[in-house]
């Protein structure tokens, strides 16, 4: 499904029949090779995911967001930190050193 499709929330709620404990947002755009464009699109996908998360994640639930580190990363972190009790930043050991992928591990959804 396209994350911007208005039916995604209904499909999630129908499948699980309740709010969920966790949301994992591991979205990536079709990379263009233009870093600024790719980063901006990837961050916008995360914002779209938060719209869904707000409707399907239970109170005190957790979320993980993949982020291409760049110009808008901290702005996105500031946005989501208002929704969680705690946010940790991590880069998996398996991730290539030159990769800009980071993960925000968000704990304790407050809404």
PDB file of N, CA and C in Angstrom:
ATOM      1  N   UNK A   1       0.836  -1.193   0.000  1.00  0.00           N
ATOM      2  CA  UNK A   1       0.000   0.000   0.000  1.00  0.00           C
ATOM      3  C   UNK A   1       0.873   1.246   0.000  1.00  0.00           C
ATOM      4  N   UNK A   2       0.340   2.290  -0.524  1.00  0.00           N
ATOM      5  CA  UNK A   2       0.982   3.597  -0.466  1.00  0.00           C
ATOM      6  C   UNK A   2       0.707   4.184   0.915  1.00  0.00           C
ATOM      7  N   UNK A   3       1.733   4.636   1.583  1.00  0.00           N
ATOM      8  CA  UNK A   3       1.573   5.140   2.952  1.00  0.00           C
ATOM      9  C   UNK A   3       0.643   6.344   3.026  1.00  0.00           C
ATOM     10  N   UNK A   4       0.484   7.051   1.932  1.00  0.00           N
ATOM     11  CA  UNK A   4      -0.389   8.222   1.926  1.00  0.00           C
ATOM     12  C   UNK A   4      -1.844   7.858   1.636  1.00  0.00           C
ATOM     13  N   UNK A   5      -2.124   6.580   1.411  1.00  0.00           N
ATOM     14  CA  UNK A   5      -3.486   6.123   1.140  1.00  0.00           C
ATOM     15  C   UNK A   5      -4.313   6.214   2.418  1.00  0.00           C
ATOM     16  N   UNK A   6      -5.452   6.851   2.331  1.00  0.00           N
ATOM     17  CA  UNK A   6      -6.295   7.066   3.513  1.00  0.00           C
ATOM     18  C   UNK A   6      -6.851   5.769   4.097  1.00  0.00           C
ATOM     19  N   UNK A   7      -6.765   4.669   3.363  1.00  0.00           N
ATOM     20  CA  UNK A   7      -7.306   3.405   3.845  1.00  0.00           C
ATOM     21  C   UNK A   7      -6.308   2.594   4.675  1.00  0.00           C
ATOM     22  N   UNK A   8      -5.067   3.040   4.762  1.00  0.00           N
ATOM     23  CA  UNK A   8      -4.047   2.287   5.494  1.00  0.00           C
ATOM     24  C   UNK A   8      -4.437   2.113   6.959  1.00  0.00           C
ATOM     25  N   UNK A   9      -4.908   3.161   7.602  1.00  0.00           N
ATOM     26  CA  UNK A   9      -5.310   3.075   9.013  1.00  0.00           C
ATOM     27  C   UNK A   9      -6.420   2.055   9.175  1.00  0.00           C
ATOM     28  N   UNK A  10      -7.420   2.097   8.312  1.00  0.00           N
ATOM     29  CA  UNK A  10      -8.526   1.138   8.389  1.00  0.00           C
ATOM     30  C   UNK A  10      -8.031  -0.290   8.216  1.00  0.00           C
ATOM     31  N   UNK A  11      -7.099  -0.495   7.290  1.00  0.00           N
ATOM     32  CA  UNK A  11      -6.564  -1.841   7.065  1.00  0.00           C
ATOM     33  C   UNK A  11      -5.802  -2.344   8.286  1.00  0.00           C
ATOM     34  N   UNK A  12      -5.015  -1.489   8.898  1.00  0.00           N
ATOM     35  CA  UNK A  12      -4.265  -1.885  10.096  1.00  0.00           C
ATOM     36  C   UNK A  12      -5.224  -2.229  11.229  1.00  0.00           C
ATOM     37  N   UNK A  13      -6.184  -1.364  11.470  1.00  0.00           N
ATOM     38  CA  UNK A  13      -7.132  -1.600  12.566  1.00  0.00           C
ATOM     39  C   UNK A  13      -7.977  -2.840  12.305  1.00  0.00           C
ATOM     40  N   UNK A  14      -8.341  -3.073  11.068  1.00  0.00           N
ATOM     41  CA  UNK A  14      -9.128  -4.257  10.720  1.00  0.00           C
ATOM     42  C   UNK A  14      -8.306  -5.529  10.936  1.00  0.00           C
ATOM     43  N   UNK A  15      -7.045  -5.498  10.554  1.00  0.00           N
ATOM     44  CA  UNK A  15      -6.192  -6.677  10.676  1.00  0.00           C
ATOM     45  C   UNK A  15      -5.938  -7.033  12.140  1.00  0.00           C
ATOM     46  N   UNK A  16      -5.584  -6.048  12.949  1.00  0.00           N
ATOM     47  CA  UNK A  16      -5.225  -6.316  14.348  1.00  0.00           C
ATOM     48  C   UNK A  16      -6.414  -6.260  15.302  1.00  0.00           C
ATOM     49  N   UNK A  17      -7.494  -5.639  14.873  1.00  0.00           N
ATOM     50  CA  UNK A  17      -8.720  -5.510  15.666  1.00  0.00           C
ATOM     51  C   UNK A  17      -8.513  -4.735  16.971  1.00  0.00           C
ATOM     52  N   UNK A  18      -7.446  -3.968  17.048  1.00  0.00           N
ATOM     53  CA  UNK A  18      -7.166  -3.112  18.202  1.00  0.00           C
ATOM     54  C   UNK A  18      -5.961  -2.259  17.853  1.00  0.00           C
ATOM     55  N   UNK A  19      -5.642  -1.320  18.733  1.00  0.00           N
ATOM     56  CA  UNK A  19      -4.419  -0.543  18.522  1.00  0.00           C
ATOM     57  C   UNK A  19      -3.207  -1.449  18.736  1.00  0.00           C
ATOM     58  N   UNK A  20      -2.089  -1.090  18.136  1.00  0.00           N
ATOM     59  CA  UNK A  20      -0.900  -1.943  18.157  1.00  0.00           C
ATOM     60  C   UNK A  20       0.111  -1.465  19.200  1.00  0.00           C
ATOM     61  N   UNK A  21       0.995  -2.390  19.601  1.00  0.00           N
ATOM     62  CA  UNK A  21       2.033  -2.100  20.596  1.00  0.00           C
ATOM     63  C   UNK A  21       3.231  -1.369  20.000  1.00  0.00           C
ATOM     64  N   UNK A  22       3.463  -1.565  18.703  1.00  0.00           N
ATOM     65  CA  UNK A  22       4.660  -0.999  18.083  1.00  0.00           C
ATOM     66  C   UNK A  22       4.410  -0.659  16.621  1.00  0.00           C
ATOM     67  N   UNK A  23       5.116   0.350  16.167  1.00  0.00           N
ATOM     68  CA  UNK A  23       5.111   0.749  14.761  1.00  0.00           C
ATOM     69  C   UNK A  23       6.568   0.818  14.317  1.00  0.00           C
ATOM     70  N   UNK A  24       6.866   0.190  13.190  1.00  0.00           N
ATOM     71  CA  UNK A  24       8.211   0.246  12.621  1.00  0.00           C
ATOM     72  C   UNK A  24       8.116   0.940  11.272  1.00  0.00           C
ATOM     73  N   UNK A  25       8.804   2.025  11.159  1.00  0.00           N
ATOM     74  CA  UNK A  25       8.804   2.806   9.923  1.00  0.00           C
ATOM     75  C   UNK A  25      10.191   2.703   9.296  1.00  0.00           C
ATOM     76  N   UNK A  26      10.323   1.794   8.350  1.00  0.00           N
ATOM     77  CA  UNK A  26      11.599   1.530   7.680  1.00  0.00           C
ATOM     78  C   UNK A  26      11.476   1.925   6.211  1.00  0.00           C
ATOM     79  N   UNK A  27      10.878   3.087   5.980  1.00  0.00           N
ATOM     80  CA  UNK A  27      10.575   3.525   4.622  1.00  0.00           C
ATOM     81  C   UNK A  27      11.762   4.220   3.973  1.00  0.00           C
ATOM     82  N   UNK A  28      11.854   4.025   2.672  1.00  0.00           N
ATOM     83  CA  UNK A  28      12.887   4.684   1.895  1.00  0.00           C
ATOM     84  C   UNK A  28      12.297   5.030   0.538  1.00  0.00           C
ATOM     85  N   UNK A  29      12.593   6.215   0.040  1.00  0.00           N
ATOM     86  CA  UNK A  29      12.089   6.554  -1.288  1.00  0.00           C
ATOM     87  C   UNK A  29      12.883   5.818  -2.357  1.00  0.00           C
ATOM     88  N   UNK A  30      12.371   5.830  -3.569  1.00  0.00           N
ATOM     89  CA  UNK A  30      13.172   5.351  -4.686  1.00  0.00           C
ATOM     90  C   UNK A  30      14.282   6.388  -4.852  1.00  0.00           C
ATOM     91  N   UNK A  31      15.488   5.990  -4.547  1.00  0.00           N
ATOM     92  CA  UNK A  31      16.604   6.923  -4.476  1.00  0.00           C
ATOM     93  C   UNK A  31      16.912   7.495  -5.861  1.00  0.00           C
ATOM     94  N   UNK A  32      17.037   8.825  -5.901  1.00  0.00           N
ATOM     95  CA  UNK A  32      17.300   9.521  -7.165  1.00  0.00           C
ATOM     96  C   UNK A  32      18.787   9.743  -7.404  1.00  0.00           C
ATOM     97  N   UNK A  33      19.574   9.685  -6.336  1.00  0.00           N
ATOM     98  CA  UNK A  33      20.987  10.007  -6.445  1.00  0.00           C
ATOM     99  C   UNK A  33      21.276  11.448  -6.044  1.00  0.00           C
ATOM    100  N   UNK A  34      20.233  12.246  -5.914  1.00  0.00           N
ATOM    101  CA  UNK A  34      20.376  13.622  -5.427  1.00  0.00           C
ATOM    102  C   UNK A  34      20.119  13.580  -3.923  1.00  0.00           C
ATOM    103  N   UNK A  35      21.203  13.699  -3.144  1.00  0.00           N
ATOM    104  CA  UNK A  35      21.095  13.483  -1.702  1.00  0.00           C
ATOM    105  C   UNK A  35      20.057  14.386  -1.046  1.00  0.00           C
ATOM    106  N   UNK A  36      20.041  15.655  -1.390  1.00  0.00           N
ATOM    107  CA  UNK A  36      19.105  16.594  -0.761  1.00  0.00           C
ATOM    108  C   UNK A  36      17.662  16.191  -1.014  1.00  0.00           C
ATOM    109  N   UNK A  37      17.376  15.803  -2.238  1.00  0.00           N
ATOM    110  CA  UNK A  37      16.018  15.380  -2.602  1.00  0.00           C
ATOM    111  C   UNK A  37      15.665  14.084  -1.887  1.00  0.00           C
ATOM    112  N   UNK A  38      16.561  13.103  -1.931  1.00  0.00           N
ATOM    113  CA  UNK A  38      16.295  11.805  -1.293  1.00  0.00           C
ATOM    114  C   UNK A  38      16.061  11.969   0.206  1.00  0.00           C
ATOM    115  N   UNK A  39      16.873  12.783   0.855  1.00  0.00           N
ATOM    116  CA  UNK A  39      16.730  13.023   2.297  1.00  0.00           C
ATOM    117  C   UNK A  39      15.381  13.673   2.603  1.00  0.00           C
ATOM    118  N   UNK A  40      15.026  14.701   1.855  1.00  0.00           N
ATOM    119  CA  UNK A  40      13.760  15.409   2.093  1.00  0.00           C
ATOM    120  C   UNK A  40      12.568  14.478   1.896  1.00  0.00           C
ATOM    121  N   UNK A  41      12.608  13.650   0.866  1.00  0.00           N
ATOM    122  CA  UNK A  41      11.501  12.710   0.622  1.00  0.00           C
ATOM    123  C   UNK A  41      11.431  11.680   1.738  1.00  0.00           C
ATOM    124  N   UNK A  42      12.577  11.171   2.166  1.00  0.00           N
ATOM    125  CA  UNK A  42      12.584  10.156   3.224  1.00  0.00           C
ATOM    126  C   UNK A  42      12.022  10.720   4.523  1.00  0.00           C
ATOM    127  N   UNK A  43      12.389  11.930   4.868  1.00  0.00           N
ATOM    128  CA  UNK A  43      11.847  12.553   6.080  1.00  0.00           C
ATOM    129  C   UNK A  43      10.345  12.775   5.930  1.00  0.00           C
ATOM    130  N   UNK A  44       9.892  13.175   4.750  1.00  0.00           N
ATOM    131  CA  UNK A  44       8.449  13.385   4.550  1.00  0.00           C
ATOM    132  C   UNK A  44       7.684  12.070   4.683  1.00  0.00           C
ATOM    133  N   UNK A  45       8.295  10.958   4.274  1.00  0.00           N
ATOM    134  CA  UNK A  45       7.661   9.650   4.476  1.00  0.00           C
ATOM    135  C   UNK A  45       7.504   9.361   5.969  1.00  0.00           C
ATOM    136  N   UNK A  46       8.498   9.738   6.763  1.00  0.00           N
ATOM    137  CA  UNK A  46       8.392   9.550   8.211  1.00  0.00           C
ATOM    138  C   UNK A  46       7.259  10.381   8.800  1.00  0.00           C
ATOM    139  N   UNK A  47       7.107  11.603   8.333  1.00  0.00           N
ATOM    140  CA  UNK A  47       5.986  12.431   8.803  1.00  0.00           C
ATOM    141  C   UNK A  47       4.650  11.772   8.449  1.00  0.00           C
ATOM    142  N   UNK A  48       4.551  11.208   7.248  1.00  0.00           N
ATOM    143  CA  UNK A  48       3.323  10.500   6.853  1.00  0.00           C
ATOM    144  C   UNK A  48       3.081   9.316   7.784  1.00  0.00           C
ATOM    145  N   UNK A  49       4.149   8.608   8.140  1.00  0.00           N
ATOM    146  CA  UNK A  49       4.020   7.466   9.045  1.00  0.00           C
ATOM    147  C   UNK A  49       3.526   7.907  10.419  1.00  0.00           C
ATOM    148  N   UNK A  50       3.950   9.084  10.881  1.00  0.00           N
ATOM    149  CA  UNK A  50       3.479   9.540  12.196  1.00  0.00           C
ATOM    150  C   UNK A  50       1.978   9.811  12.186  1.00  0.00           C
ATOM    151  N   UNK A  51       1.440  10.226  11.051  1.00  0.00           N
ATOM    152  CA  UNK A  51      -0.011  10.446  10.955  1.00  0.00           C
ATOM    153  C   UNK A  51      -0.760   9.137  11.183  1.00  0.00           C
ATOM    154  N   UNK A  52      -0.227   8.062  10.617  1.00  0.00           N
ATOM    155  CA  UNK A  52      -0.828   6.739  10.816  1.00  0.00           C
ATOM    156  C   UNK A  52      -0.594   6.284  12.249  1.00  0.00           C
ATOM    157  N   UNK A  53       0.640   6.433  12.725  1.00  0.00           N
ATOM    158  CA  UNK A  53       0.997   6.017  14.081  1.00  0.00           C
ATOM    159  C   UNK A  53       0.085   6.655  15.119  1.00  0.00           C
ATOM    160  N   UNK A  54      -0.201   7.930  14.955  1.00  0.00           N
ATOM    161  CA  UNK A  54      -1.056   8.633  15.918  1.00  0.00           C
ATOM    162  C   UNK A  54      -2.413   7.961  16.075  1.00  0.00           C
ATOM    163  N   UNK A  55      -2.870   7.283  15.038  1.00  0.00           N
ATOM    164  CA  UNK A  55      -4.193   6.659  15.059  1.00  0.00           C
ATOM    165  C   UNK A  55      -4.174   5.188  15.453  1.00  0.00           C
ATOM    166  N   UNK A  56      -3.025   4.518  15.271  1.00  0.00           N
ATOM    167  CA  UNK A  56      -3.013   3.064  15.494  1.00  0.00           C
ATOM    168  C   UNK A  56      -2.156   2.606  16.669  1.00  0.00           C
ATOM    169  N   UNK A  57      -1.281   3.465  17.193  1.00  0.00           N
ATOM    170  CA  UNK A  57      -0.377   3.052  18.275  1.00  0.00           C
ATOM    171  C   UNK A  57      -1.034   3.277  19.629  1.00  0.00           C
ATOM    172  N   UNK A  58      -0.986   2.241  20.464  1.00  0.00           N
ATOM    173  CA  UNK A  58      -1.598   2.359  21.785  1.00  0.00           C
ATOM    174  C   UNK A  58      -0.743   3.222  22.711  1.00  0.00           C
ATOM    175  N   UNK A  59      -1.386   3.749  23.736  1.00  0.00           N
ATOM    176  CA  UNK A  59      -0.704   4.537  24.767  1.00  0.00           C
ATOM    177  C   UNK A  59       0.433   3.712  25.356  1.00  0.00           C
ATOM    178  N   UNK A  60       1.586   4.296  25.500  1.00  0.00           N
ATOM    179  CA  UNK A  60       2.810   3.670  26.002  1.00  0.00           C
ATOM    180  C   UNK A  60       3.445   2.710  25.000  1.00  0.00           C
ATOM    181  N   UNK A  61       2.930   2.672  23.758  1.00  0.00           N
ATOM    182  CA  UNK A  61       3.532   1.850  22.713  1.00  0.00           C
ATOM    183  C   UNK A  61       4.870   2.431  22.266  1.00  0.00           C
ATOM    184  N   UNK A  62       5.556   1.694  21.409  1.00  0.00           N
ATOM    185  CA  UNK A  62       6.889   2.077  20.953  1.00  0.00           C
ATOM    186  C   UNK A  62       6.931   2.168  19.430  1.00  0.00           C
ATOM    187  N   UNK A  63       7.919   2.879  18.922  1.00  0.00           N
ATOM    188  CA  UNK A  63       8.077   3.011  17.475  1.00  0.00           C
ATOM    189  C   UNK A  63       9.552   3.125  17.125  1.00  0.00           C
ATOM    190  N   UNK A  64       9.859   2.718  15.904  1.00  0.00           N
ATOM    191  CA  UNK A  64      11.205   2.881  15.355  1.00  0.00           C
ATOM    192  C   UNK A  64      11.062   3.561  13.999  1.00  0.00           C
ATOM    193  N   UNK A  65      11.862   4.587  13.782  1.00  0.00           N
ATOM    194  CA  UNK A  65      11.872   5.309  12.510  1.00  0.00           C
ATOM    195  C   UNK A  65      13.267   5.273  11.910  1.00  0.00           C
ATOM    196  N   UNK A  66      13.367   4.792  10.668  1.00  0.00           N
ATOM    197  CA  UNK A  66      14.631   4.922   9.936  1.00  0.00           C
ATOM    198  C   UNK A  66      14.704   6.353   9.419  1.00  0.00           C
ATOM    199  N   UNK A  67      15.870   6.959   9.566  1.00  0.00           N
ATOM    200  CA  UNK A  67      16.061   8.341   9.135  1.00  0.00           C
ATOM    201  C   UNK A  67      17.354   8.434   8.336  1.00  0.00           C
ATOM    202  N   UNK A  68      17.298   9.079   7.188  1.00  0.00           N
ATOM    203  CA  UNK A  68      18.523   9.443   6.486  1.00  0.00           C
ATOM    204  C   UNK A  68      19.035  10.698   7.184  1.00  0.00           C
ATOM    205  N   UNK A  69      20.180  10.595   7.833  1.00  0.00           N
ATOM    206  CA  UNK A  69      20.695  11.723   8.604  1.00  0.00           C
ATOM    207  C   UNK A  69      21.027  12.881   7.673  1.00  0.00           C
ATOM    208  N   UNK A  70      20.536  14.052   8.031  1.00  0.00           N
ATOM    209  CA  UNK A  70      20.784  15.212   7.187  1.00  0.00           C
ATOM    210  C   UNK A  70      20.103  16.446   7.727  1.00  0.00           C
ATOM    211  N   UNK A  71      19.859  17.370   6.845  1.00  0.00           N
ATOM    212  CA  UNK A  71      19.349  18.698   7.180  1.00  0.00           C
ATOM    213  C   UNK A  71      18.075  18.684   8.023  1.00  0.00           C
ATOM    214  N   UNK A  72      17.171  17.733   7.761  1.00  0.00           N
ATOM    215  CA  UNK A  72      15.869  17.731   8.441  1.00  0.00           C
ATOM    216  C   UNK A  72      15.746  16.697   9.563  1.00  0.00           C
ATOM    217  N   UNK A  73      16.815  15.964   9.860  1.00  0.00           N
ATOM    218  CA  UNK A  73      16.761  14.894  10.869  1.00  0.00           C
ATOM    219  C   UNK A  73      16.388  15.402  12.253  1.00  0.00           C
ATOM    220  N   UNK A  74      17.048  16.459  12.687  1.00  0.00           N
ATOM    221  CA  UNK A  74      16.789  16.975  14.033  1.00  0.00           C
ATOM    222  C   UNK A  74      15.399  17.595  14.128  1.00  0.00           C
ATOM    223  N   UNK A  75      14.959  18.226  13.068  1.00  0.00           N
ATOM    224  CA  UNK A  75      13.602  18.783  13.043  1.00  0.00           C
ATOM    225  C   UNK A  75      12.577  17.663  13.236  1.00  0.00           C
ATOM    226  N   UNK A  76      12.806  16.525  12.555  1.00  0.00           N
ATOM    227  CA  UNK A  76      11.899  15.393  12.714  1.00  0.00           C
ATOM    228  C   UNK A  76      11.979  14.842  14.138  1.00  0.00           C
ATOM    229  N   UNK A  77      13.198  14.733  14.675  1.00  0.00           N
ATOM    230  CA  UNK A  77      13.356  14.247  16.051  1.00  0.00           C
ATOM    231  C   UNK A  77      12.620  15.157  17.030  1.00  0.00           C
ATOM    232  N   UNK A  78      12.747  16.459  16.857  1.00  0.00           N
ATOM    233  CA  UNK A  78      12.042  17.402  17.735  1.00  0.00           C
ATOM    234  C   UNK A  78      10.532  17.215  17.642  1.00  0.00           C
ATOM    235  N   UNK A  79      10.054  16.902  16.449  1.00  0.00           N
ATOM    236  CA  UNK A  79       8.618  16.678  16.244  1.00  0.00           C
ATOM    237  C   UNK A  79       8.147  15.427  16.990  1.00  0.00           C
ATOM    238  N   UNK A  80       8.869  14.314  16.836  1.00  0.00           N
ATOM    239  CA  UNK A  80       8.395  13.068  17.455  1.00  0.00           C
ATOM    240  C   UNK A  80       8.684  12.998  18.952  1.00  0.00           C
ATOM    241  N   UNK A  81       9.678  13.750  19.433  1.00  0.00           N
ATOM    242  CA  UNK A  81       9.973  13.655  20.872  1.00  0.00           C
ATOM    243  C   UNK A  81       8.835  14.203  21.720  1.00  0.00           C
ATOM    244  N   UNK A  82       7.964  14.997  21.125  1.00  0.00           N
ATOM    245  CA  UNK A  82       6.780  15.487  21.832  1.00  0.00           C
ATOM    246  C   UNK A  82       5.745  14.386  22.017  1.00  0.00           C
ATOM    247  N   UNK A  83       5.905  13.284  21.304  1.00  0.00           N
ATOM    248  CA  UNK A  83       4.923  12.207  21.317  1.00  0.00           C
ATOM    249  C   UNK A  83       5.357  11.000  22.159  1.00  0.00           C
ATOM    250  N   UNK A  84       6.608  10.999  22.629  1.00  0.00           N
ATOM    251  CA  UNK A  84       7.143   9.842  23.345  1.00  0.00           C
ATOM    252  C   UNK A  84       7.840  10.264  24.632  1.00  0.00           C
ATOM    253  N   UNK A  85       7.881   9.344  25.588  1.00  0.00           N
ATOM    254  CA  UNK A  85       8.568   9.599  26.854  1.00  0.00           C
ATOM    255  C   UNK A  85      10.079   9.662  26.653  1.00  0.00           C
ATOM    256  N   UNK A  86      10.591   8.856  25.710  1.00  0.00           N
ATOM    257  CA  UNK A  86      12.041   8.796  25.504  1.00  0.00           C
ATOM    258  C   UNK A  86      12.349   8.432  24.057  1.00  0.00           C
ATOM    259  N   UNK A  87      13.422   9.012  23.540  1.00  0.00           N
ATOM    260  CA  UNK A  87      13.887   8.680  22.190  1.00  0.00           C
ATOM    261  C   UNK A  87      15.384   8.414  22.247  1.00  0.00           C
ATOM    262  N   UNK A  88      15.792   7.292  21.675  1.00  0.00           N
ATOM    263  CA  UNK A  88      17.207   6.946  21.571  1.00  0.00           C
ATOM    264  C   UNK A  88      17.595   6.935  20.099  1.00  0.00           C
ATOM    265  N   UNK A  89      18.789   7.395  19.805  1.00  0.00           N
ATOM    266  CA  UNK A  89      19.323   7.384  18.456  1.00  0.00           C
ATOM    267  C   UNK A  89      20.307   6.238  18.353  1.00  0.00           C
ATOM    268  N   UNK A  90      20.192   5.425  17.301  1.00  0.00           N
ATOM    269  CA  UNK A  90      21.104   4.303  17.145  1.00  0.00           C
ATOM    270  C   UNK A  90      21.469   4.110  15.682  1.00  0.00           C
ATOM    271  N   UNK A  91      22.633   3.554  15.474  1.00  0.00           N
ATOM    272  CA  UNK A  91      23.080   3.142  14.144  1.00  0.00           C
ATOM    273  C   UNK A  91      23.511   1.692  14.299  1.00  0.00           C
ATOM    274  N   UNK A  92      22.785   0.767  13.679  1.00  0.00           N
ATOM    275  CA  UNK A  92      23.111  -0.648  13.848  1.00  0.00           C
ATOM    276  C   UNK A  92      24.537  -0.973  13.401  1.00  0.00           C
ATOM    277  N   UNK A  93      25.161  -1.911  14.081  1.00  0.00           N
ATOM    278  CA  UNK A  93      26.514  -2.332  13.721  1.00  0.00           C
ATOM    279  C   UNK A  93      26.573  -2.857  12.296  1.00  0.00           C
ATOM    280  N   UNK A  94      25.478  -3.461  11.826  1.00  0.00           N
ATOM    281  CA  UNK A  94      25.447  -4.030  10.480  1.00  0.00           C
ATOM    282  C   UNK A  94      25.375  -2.958   9.396  1.00  0.00           C
ATOM    283  N   UNK A  95      25.062  -1.747   9.782  1.00  0.00           N
ATOM    284  CA  UNK A  95      24.960  -0.649   8.820  1.00  0.00           C
ATOM    285  C   UNK A  95      26.358  -0.257   8.339  1.00  0.00           C
ATOM    286  N   UNK A  96      26.490  -0.021   7.036  1.00  0.00           N
ATOM    287  CA  UNK A  96      27.780   0.411   6.496  1.00  0.00           C
ATOM    288  C   UNK A  96      28.192   1.747   7.124  1.00  0.00           C
ATOM    289  N   UNK A  97      29.471   1.898   7.380  1.00  0.00           N
ATOM    290  CA  UNK A  97      29.967   3.109   8.045  1.00  0.00           C
ATOM    291  C   UNK A  97      29.617   4.377   7.266  1.00  0.00           C
ATOM    292  N   UNK A  98      29.670   4.317   5.942  1.00  0.00           N
ATOM    293  CA  UNK A  98      29.395   5.499   5.130  1.00  0.00           C
ATOM    294  C   UNK A  98      27.902   5.757   4.953  1.00  0.00           C
ATOM    295  N   UNK A  99      27.062   4.832   5.391  1.00  0.00           N
ATOM    296  CA  UNK A  99      25.613   4.999   5.269  1.00  0.00           C
ATOM    297  C   UNK A  99      25.123   6.088   6.216  1.00  0.00           C
ATOM    298  N   UNK A 100      24.158   6.862   5.740  1.00  0.00           N
ATOM    299  CA  UNK A 100      23.589   7.927   6.578  1.00  0.00           C
ATOM    300  C   UNK A 100      22.380   7.439   7.369  1.00  0.00           C
ATOM    301  N   UNK A 101      22.073   6.142   7.266  1.00  0.00           N
ATOM    302  CA  UNK A 101      20.906   5.608   7.984  1.00  0.00           C
ATOM    303  C   UNK A 101      21.121   5.635   9.490  1.00  0.00           C
ATOM    304  N   UNK A 102      20.139   6.205  10.162  1.00  0.00           N
ATOM    305  CA  UNK A 102      20.072   6.185  11.620  1.00  0.00           C
ATOM    306  C   UNK A 102      18.679   5.711  11.994  1.00  0.00           C
ATOM    307  N   UNK A 103      18.518   5.278  13.221  1.00  0.00           N
ATOM    308  CA  UNK A 103      17.198   4.871  13.687  1.00  0.00           C
ATOM    309  C   UNK A 103      16.861   5.603  14.976  1.00  0.00           C
ATOM    310  N   UNK A 104      15.668   6.164  15.015  1.00  0.00           N
ATOM    311  CA  UNK A 104      15.135   6.731  16.245  1.00  0.00           C
ATOM    312  C   UNK A 104      14.282   5.654  16.888  1.00  0.00           C
ATOM    313  N   UNK A 105      14.684   5.216  18.074  1.00  0.00           N
ATOM    314  CA  UNK A 105      13.928   4.235  18.845  1.00  0.00           C
ATOM    315  C   UNK A 105      13.116   5.033  19.855  1.00  0.00           C
ATOM    316  N   UNK A 106      11.805   5.001  19.690  1.00  0.00           N
ATOM    317  CA  UNK A 106      10.900   5.859  20.456  1.00  0.00           C
ATOM    318  C   UNK A 106      10.108   5.009  21.445  1.00  0.00           C
ATOM    319  N   UNK A 107      10.208   5.340  22.711  1.00  0.00           N
ATOM    320  CA  UNK A 107       9.603   4.534  23.765  1.00  0.00           C
ATOM    321  C   UNK A 107       8.559   5.328  24.539  1.00  0.00           C
ATOM    322  N   UNK A 108       7.439   4.674  24.833  1.00  0.00           N
ATOM    323  CA  UNK A 108       6.415   5.276  25.685  1.00  0.00           C
ATOM    324  C   UNK A 108       5.569   6.328  24.993  1.00  0.00           C
ATOM    325  N   UNK A 109       4.801   5.911  24.002  1.00  0.00           N
ATOM    326  CA  UNK A 109       3.942   6.834  23.247  1.00  0.00           C
ATOM    327  C   UNK A 109       2.975   7.549  24.182  1.00  0.00           C
ATOM    328  N   UNK A 110       2.974   8.861  24.095  1.00  0.00           N
ATOM    329  CA  UNK A 110       2.079   9.665  24.927  1.00  0.00           C
ATOM    330  C   UNK A 110       0.979  10.332  24.110  1.00  0.00           C
ATOM    331  N   UNK A 111       1.118  10.281  22.809  1.00  0.00           N
ATOM    332  CA  UNK A 111       0.080  10.828  21.931  1.00  0.00           C
ATOM    333  C   UNK A 111       0.338  12.170  21.410  1.00  0.00           C
TER     334      UNK A 111
END
